[in-house]
Amino acid sequence: MTISLPPIRAGRAAPADLLERRAQMQAAVDAGTWKTEKPPVEAEFAGLRTLRFSPDTAPRGYVLQLHGGGFRIGRPEFESLFAEALIRACGVEIVVPQYRLAPEGPFPAGLTDALAALTALREEIGDAPLIVCGDSAGGGLAASLGLLSAAGRAPRIDGLVLLSPWLDLRVTADSYAANAATDAMFSQESAGVAAELYLQGLDPTHPLASPLLAPITTYPPSLISVGTGEVLWDDSRLFHDKLLAAGIDSTLCAIDGMAHVAVITGLDRPGAAETFAAVIAFVENRLAR
């Protein structure tokens, strides 16, 4: 099967409740909820509003960070505290673009933007180590970039960090029901709404929309982190198994009692410290290579 991006499609206006959620998030940003000790540099990068978090010395490598939000909400600021901590630990520079959101920008708009950012960053840094990291929907975008890179349709990626990634937009995994009572952040109902806004009639089995379903023979080394009580537990577990079956270097960091994307929402949350230690170890390993 050829892995290629479908053409950009026209979207539709966002409903009032979604616009209100976005406005609330903007208000939280304005109030300094995700303020870091050293402010990031905001600039246009690959045509996208982007935050760049830099160490005080020359970067040892680079991370393209893709935020979550069910493809329909989310901002680069959400990644700020995680980015600041990772810079301190590993001395990397972290680039966080604002990709287009659904329903105004349905699939493949967000992935097209992520690919543009990856391409521009690789052109900027040359042969330096480049890791792609994403959480939730951003983890799905990161996984799809891994497919494109493995197929020779995107620049080289030296490692993937997938944090509670959403990898199957059919929204039919057993873990939606099995973990409904233990996942307060995400549900089968909300996933179904988000998937419809994003896909807008496109087949959810498209390999770049649902990377779990893609044929894999080669792929970047990967770290996958997930809470065993998340509704997306099956997405992570099955993708890890698929990578291992293809002979790919993959590590699954599965933590009991950890909430969805805990390492992004607060390093003091249950399981976040363990996940963050796994991320540091993975990044250091990739930088050393």
Protein backbone atom coordinates (compact mmCIF):
# COMPACT_ATOMS: atom_id res chain seq x y z
CA MET A 1 0.00 0.00 0.00
CA THR A 2 1.26 3.46 -0.90
CA ILE A 3 1.31 5.85 2.04
CA SER A 4 0.48 9.33 0.75
CA LEU A 5 -1.40 12.38 1.92
CA PRO A 6 -4.82 12.94 0.35
CA PRO A 7 -5.60 16.46 -0.90
CA ILE A 8 -6.66 19.25 1.41
CA ARG A 9 -10.44 19.52 1.75
CA ALA A 10 -12.76 22.36 2.64
CA GLY A 11 -14.04 22.18 6.19
CA ARG A 12 -17.00 23.64 8.00
CA ALA A 13 -17.58 26.18 10.73
CA ALA A 14 -16.95 25.14 14.33
CA PRO A 15 -20.05 24.77 16.53
CA ALA A 16 -20.67 27.31 19.28
CA ASP A 17 -19.72 24.95 22.13
CA LEU A 18 -16.35 24.23 20.53
CA LEU A 19 -15.67 27.94 20.00
CA GLU A 20 -16.47 28.52 23.67
CA ARG A 21 -14.00 25.81 24.75
CA ARG A 22 -11.31 27.40 22.60
CA ALA A 23 -12.06 30.81 24.10
CA GLN A 24 -11.73 29.36 27.60
CA MET A 25 -8.35 27.90 26.70
CA GLN A 26 -7.20 31.23 25.30
CA ALA A 27 -8.26 32.91 28.53
CA ALA A 28 -6.20 30.39 30.50
CA VAL A 29 -3.20 31.11 28.28
CA ASP A 30 -3.65 34.85 28.78
CA ALA A 31 -3.86 34.29 32.54
CA GLY A 32 -0.44 32.63 32.51
CA THR A 33 -1.54 29.07 33.27
CA TRP A 34 1.33 27.61 31.23
CA LYS A 35 3.89 30.35 31.89
CA THR A 36 7.49 29.14 31.93
CA GLU A 37 10.53 30.58 33.68
CA LYS A 38 12.14 31.36 30.33
CA PRO A 39 9.49 32.45 27.82
CA PRO A 40 9.52 30.71 24.45
CA VAL A 41 10.09 32.63 21.24
CA GLU A 42 6.89 32.98 19.23
CA ALA A 43 7.39 33.18 15.48
CA GLU A 44 5.99 32.01 12.18
CA PHE A 45 7.65 28.76 11.13
CA ALA A 46 6.67 26.85 7.99
CA GLY A 47 3.76 29.28 7.75
CA LEU A 48 2.50 28.27 11.22
CA ARG A 49 2.33 30.10 14.52
CA THR A 50 5.04 28.34 16.51
CA LEU A 51 6.58 28.44 19.98
CA ARG A 52 10.29 27.61 20.24
CA PHE A 53 11.76 26.63 23.60
CA SER A 54 15.56 26.82 23.65
CA PRO A 55 18.26 25.84 26.15
CA ASP A 56 20.77 28.42 27.34
CA THR A 57 23.56 26.66 25.44
CA ALA A 58 23.78 25.18 21.94
CA PRO A 59 21.07 22.51 21.51
CA ARG A 60 22.16 18.89 21.63
CA GLY A 61 19.26 17.99 19.37
CA TYR A 62 15.75 19.02 18.43
CA VAL A 63 12.21 17.93 19.25
CA LEU A 64 9.19 18.67 17.10
CA GLN A 65 6.34 18.65 19.63
CA LEU A 66 2.72 18.18 18.49
CA HIS A 67 0.02 19.16 20.97
CA GLY A 68 -3.14 17.21 21.69
CA GLY A 69 -6.77 18.24 21.81
CA GLY A 70 -8.74 15.73 19.77
CA PHE A 71 -7.72 17.43 16.51
CA ARG A 72 -10.23 20.21 17.32
CA ILE A 73 -8.81 22.14 20.30
CA GLY A 74 -5.37 22.65 21.75
CA ARG A 75 -2.57 25.19 21.60
CA PRO A 76 1.24 25.06 21.64
CA GLU A 77 1.17 26.61 25.13
CA PHE A 78 -0.21 23.33 26.49
CA GLU A 79 3.24 21.78 25.99
CA SER A 80 5.14 24.53 27.81
CA LEU A 81 5.80 22.94 31.20
CA PHE A 82 6.76 19.59 29.67
CA ALA A 83 9.03 21.38 27.18
CA GLU A 84 10.72 23.40 29.90
CA ALA A 85 11.41 20.28 31.96
CA LEU A 86 12.75 18.32 28.98
CA ILE A 87 15.08 21.15 28.01
CA ARG A 88 16.52 21.21 31.51
CA ALA A 89 17.01 17.45 31.47
CA CYS A 90 18.36 16.94 27.94
CA GLY A 91 19.46 20.30 26.53
CA VAL A 92 17.33 20.02 23.39
CA GLU A 93 15.43 22.73 21.54
CA ILE A 94 11.68 22.13 21.28
CA VAL A 95 9.56 23.45 18.42
CA VAL A 96 5.78 23.45 18.90
CA PRO A 97 3.65 24.46 15.88
CA GLN A 98 -0.04 25.35 15.85
CA TYR A 99 -1.48 23.04 13.22
CA ARG A 100 -4.92 23.59 11.70
CA LEU A 101 -7.83 22.30 13.74
CA ALA A 102 -11.09 20.63 12.79
CA PRO A 103 -13.77 21.15 11.72
CA GLU A 104 -12.46 24.19 9.85
CA GLY A 105 -9.44 22.16 8.79
CA PRO A 106 -10.43 18.48 8.44
CA PHE A 107 -7.99 15.65 7.80
CA PRO A 108 -5.37 15.92 6.35
CA ALA A 109 -4.90 19.64 7.21
CA GLY A 110 -3.32 19.12 10.62
CA LEU A 111 -1.02 16.38 9.35
CA THR A 112 -0.06 18.48 6.34
CA ASP A 113 0.95 21.29 8.71
CA ALA A 114 2.91 18.89 10.91
CA LEU A 115 4.74 17.61 7.84
CA ALA A 116 5.54 21.18 6.78
CA ALA A 117 7.00 21.89 10.21
CA LEU A 118 9.04 18.67 10.16
CA THR A 119 10.38 19.45 6.70
CA ALA A 120 11.32 23.02 7.61
CA LEU A 121 13.00 21.95 10.84
CA ARG A 122 15.05 19.24 9.15
CA GLU A 123 16.14 21.76 6.50
CA GLU A 124 17.15 24.20 9.24
CA ILE A 125 19.13 21.79 11.44
CA GLY A 126 20.75 19.60 8.79
CA ASP A 127 21.87 16.22 10.14
CA ALA A 128 21.31 17.04 13.84
CA PRO A 129 19.23 14.59 15.89
CA LEU A 130 15.50 15.20 15.46
CA ILE A 131 12.83 13.52 17.58
CA VAL A 132 9.10 13.91 17.01
CA CYS A 133 6.89 13.86 20.11
CA GLY A 134 3.13 14.14 20.40
CA ASP A 135 0.39 13.60 22.96
CA SER A 136 -3.11 12.25 22.36
CA ALA A 137 -4.21 13.50 18.91
CA GLY A 138 -0.74 14.97 18.53
CA GLY A 139 0.60 11.49 19.18
CA GLY A 140 -1.51 10.28 16.27
CA LEU A 141 -0.03 12.99 14.05
CA ALA A 142 3.47 12.06 15.21
CA ALA A 143 2.83 8.39 14.45
CA SER A 144 1.61 9.32 10.96
CA LEU A 145 4.75 11.39 10.37
CA GLY A 146 6.67 8.23 11.28
CA LEU A 147 4.82 6.38 8.52
CA LEU A 148 5.58 9.09 5.98
CA SER A 149 9.25 9.18 7.00
CA ALA A 150 9.58 5.40 6.79
CA ALA A 151 8.01 5.52 3.31
CA GLY A 152 10.49 8.16 2.14
CA ARG A 153 7.78 10.83 1.93
CA ALA A 154 9.05 12.90 4.87
CA PRO A 155 12.49 13.79 6.28
CA ARG A 156 14.40 11.46 8.57
CA ILE A 157 13.05 11.11 12.10
CA ASP A 158 15.52 9.80 14.68
CA GLY A 159 12.92 8.77 17.23
CA LEU A 160 9.24 9.04 18.10
CA VAL A 161 7.75 9.71 21.53
CA LEU A 162 4.03 8.91 21.59
CA LEU A 163 2.25 9.99 24.78
CA SER A 164 -1.22 8.45 25.18
CA PRO A 165 -1.51 8.49 21.39
CA TRP A 166 -4.82 8.29 19.54
CA LEU A 167 -4.04 5.88 16.73
CA ASP A 168 -7.35 4.36 15.60
CA LEU A 169 -10.18 6.70 14.61
CA ARG A 170 -12.71 3.90 14.23
CA VAL A 171 -13.31 4.37 17.98
CA THR A 172 -14.21 0.71 18.40
CA ALA A 173 -11.46 -0.62 20.70
CA ASP A 174 -12.53 -2.76 23.65
CA SER A 175 -10.70 -0.42 26.05
CA TYR A 176 -13.29 2.33 25.48
CA ALA A 177 -15.81 0.29 27.42
CA ALA A 178 -13.38 -1.55 29.69
CA ASN A 179 -11.74 1.68 30.93
CA ALA A 180 -14.71 4.05 30.78
CA ALA A 181 -14.81 4.32 34.57
CA THR A 182 -11.06 5.01 34.95
CA ASP A 183 -10.53 7.66 32.24
CA ALA A 184 -11.96 11.02 33.26
CA MET A 185 -10.44 12.97 30.38
CA PHE A 186 -11.55 11.00 27.33
CA SER A 187 -14.49 8.78 26.43
CA GLN A 188 -15.92 6.84 23.51
CA GLU A 189 -18.57 9.51 23.06
CA SER A 190 -16.13 12.43 22.96
CA ALA A 191 -13.79 10.46 20.71
CA GLY A 192 -16.64 9.77 18.31
CA VAL A 193 -17.55 13.45 18.13
CA ALA A 194 -13.93 14.49 17.60
CA ALA A 195 -13.35 11.83 14.94
CA GLU A 196 -16.42 12.97 12.99
CA LEU A 197 -15.31 16.61 13.09
CA TYR A 198 -11.85 15.59 11.89
CA LEU A 199 -12.74 13.00 9.24
CA GLN A 200 -15.92 14.55 7.84
CA GLY A 201 -16.80 11.50 5.77
CA LEU A 202 -13.31 10.19 5.07
CA ASP A 203 -12.77 6.48 5.77
CA PRO A 204 -11.34 6.13 9.31
CA THR A 205 -9.22 3.20 8.13
CA HIS A 206 -7.01 5.50 6.02
CA PRO A 207 -3.51 4.63 7.31
CA LEU A 208 -2.54 8.26 7.91
CA ALA A 209 -5.74 8.92 9.87
CA SER A 210 -5.46 5.69 11.87
CA PRO A 211 -1.76 4.73 11.90
CA LEU A 212 -2.56 1.63 13.96
CA LEU A 213 -4.07 0.15 10.78
CA ALA A 214 -1.15 0.98 8.49
CA PRO A 215 1.15 -1.68 7.03
CA ILE A 216 4.55 -1.38 8.71
CA THR A 217 7.85 -2.82 7.60
CA THR A 218 10.17 0.01 8.64
CA TYR A 219 9.62 2.72 11.22
CA PRO A 220 11.61 5.06 13.52
CA PRO A 221 12.54 3.78 16.99
CA SER A 222 9.65 4.59 19.31
CA LEU A 223 8.67 5.12 22.93
CA ILE A 224 4.97 4.74 23.68
CA SER A 225 3.60 5.89 27.05
CA VAL A 226 0.06 5.18 28.26
CA GLY A 227 -1.95 4.56 31.40
CA THR A 228 -3.41 1.06 31.54
CA GLY A 229 -6.72 2.57 32.63
CA GLU A 230 -7.04 4.89 29.63
CA VAL A 231 -9.63 4.35 26.93
CA LEU A 232 -6.74 4.59 24.47
CA TRP A 233 -4.87 1.74 26.16
CA ASP A 234 -5.60 -0.64 23.28
CA ASP A 235 -4.31 1.87 20.71
CA SER A 236 -0.90 2.01 22.40
CA ARG A 237 -0.66 -1.67 23.28
CA LEU A 238 -1.59 -2.90 19.82
CA PHE A 239 0.65 -0.41 18.04
CA HIS A 240 3.60 -1.44 20.19
CA ASP A 241 2.92 -5.10 19.41
CA LYS A 242 2.71 -4.26 15.70
CA LEU A 243 6.06 -2.47 15.77
CA LEU A 244 7.72 -5.36 17.59
CA ALA A 245 6.28 -7.85 15.10
CA ALA A 246 7.89 -5.82 12.30
CA GLY A 247 11.25 -5.86 14.08
CA ILE A 248 11.06 -2.19 15.07
CA ASP A 249 12.74 -0.87 18.23
CA SER A 250 9.74 0.00 20.42
CA THR A 251 9.37 0.52 24.16
CA LEU A 252 5.98 0.52 25.88
CA CYS A 253 5.81 2.43 29.15
CA ALA A 254 2.45 1.26 30.56
CA ILE A 255 1.57 2.63 33.99
CA ASP A 256 -1.30 1.63 36.25
CA GLY A 257 -3.32 4.55 37.58
CA MET A 258 -1.89 7.17 35.22
CA ALA A 259 -4.35 9.59 33.63
CA HIS A 260 -4.45 10.54 29.97
CA VAL A 261 -1.34 12.59 28.99
CA ALA A 262 -0.43 13.06 32.66
CA VAL A 263 3.17 13.97 31.83
CA ILE A 264 1.87 16.96 29.83
CA THR A 265 -0.74 18.14 32.33
CA GLY A 266 1.53 17.99 35.38
CA LEU A 267 4.76 16.24 36.32
CA ASP A 268 3.43 15.81 39.86
CA ARG A 269 0.50 13.68 38.68
CA PRO A 270 0.48 9.90 39.29
CA GLY A 271 2.71 8.14 36.78
CA ALA A 272 4.02 11.34 35.22
CA ALA A 273 7.46 11.17 36.84
CA GLU A 274 7.92 7.58 35.68
CA THR A 275 6.87 8.52 32.17
CA PHE A 276 9.15 11.54 32.15
CA ALA A 277 12.11 9.40 33.23
CA ALA A 278 11.37 7.05 30.32
CA VAL A 279 11.23 10.01 27.93
CA ILE A 280 14.57 11.31 29.17
CA ALA A 281 16.18 7.89 28.77
CA PHE A 282 14.79 7.53 25.25
CA VAL A 283 15.85 11.03 24.18
CA GLU A 284 19.34 10.53 25.59
CA ASN A 285 19.64 7.24 23.75
CA ARG A 286 18.63 8.84 20.46
CA LEU A 287 20.96 11.82 20.98
CA ALA A 288 23.86 9.45 21.62
CA ARG A 289 23.31 7.85 18.22
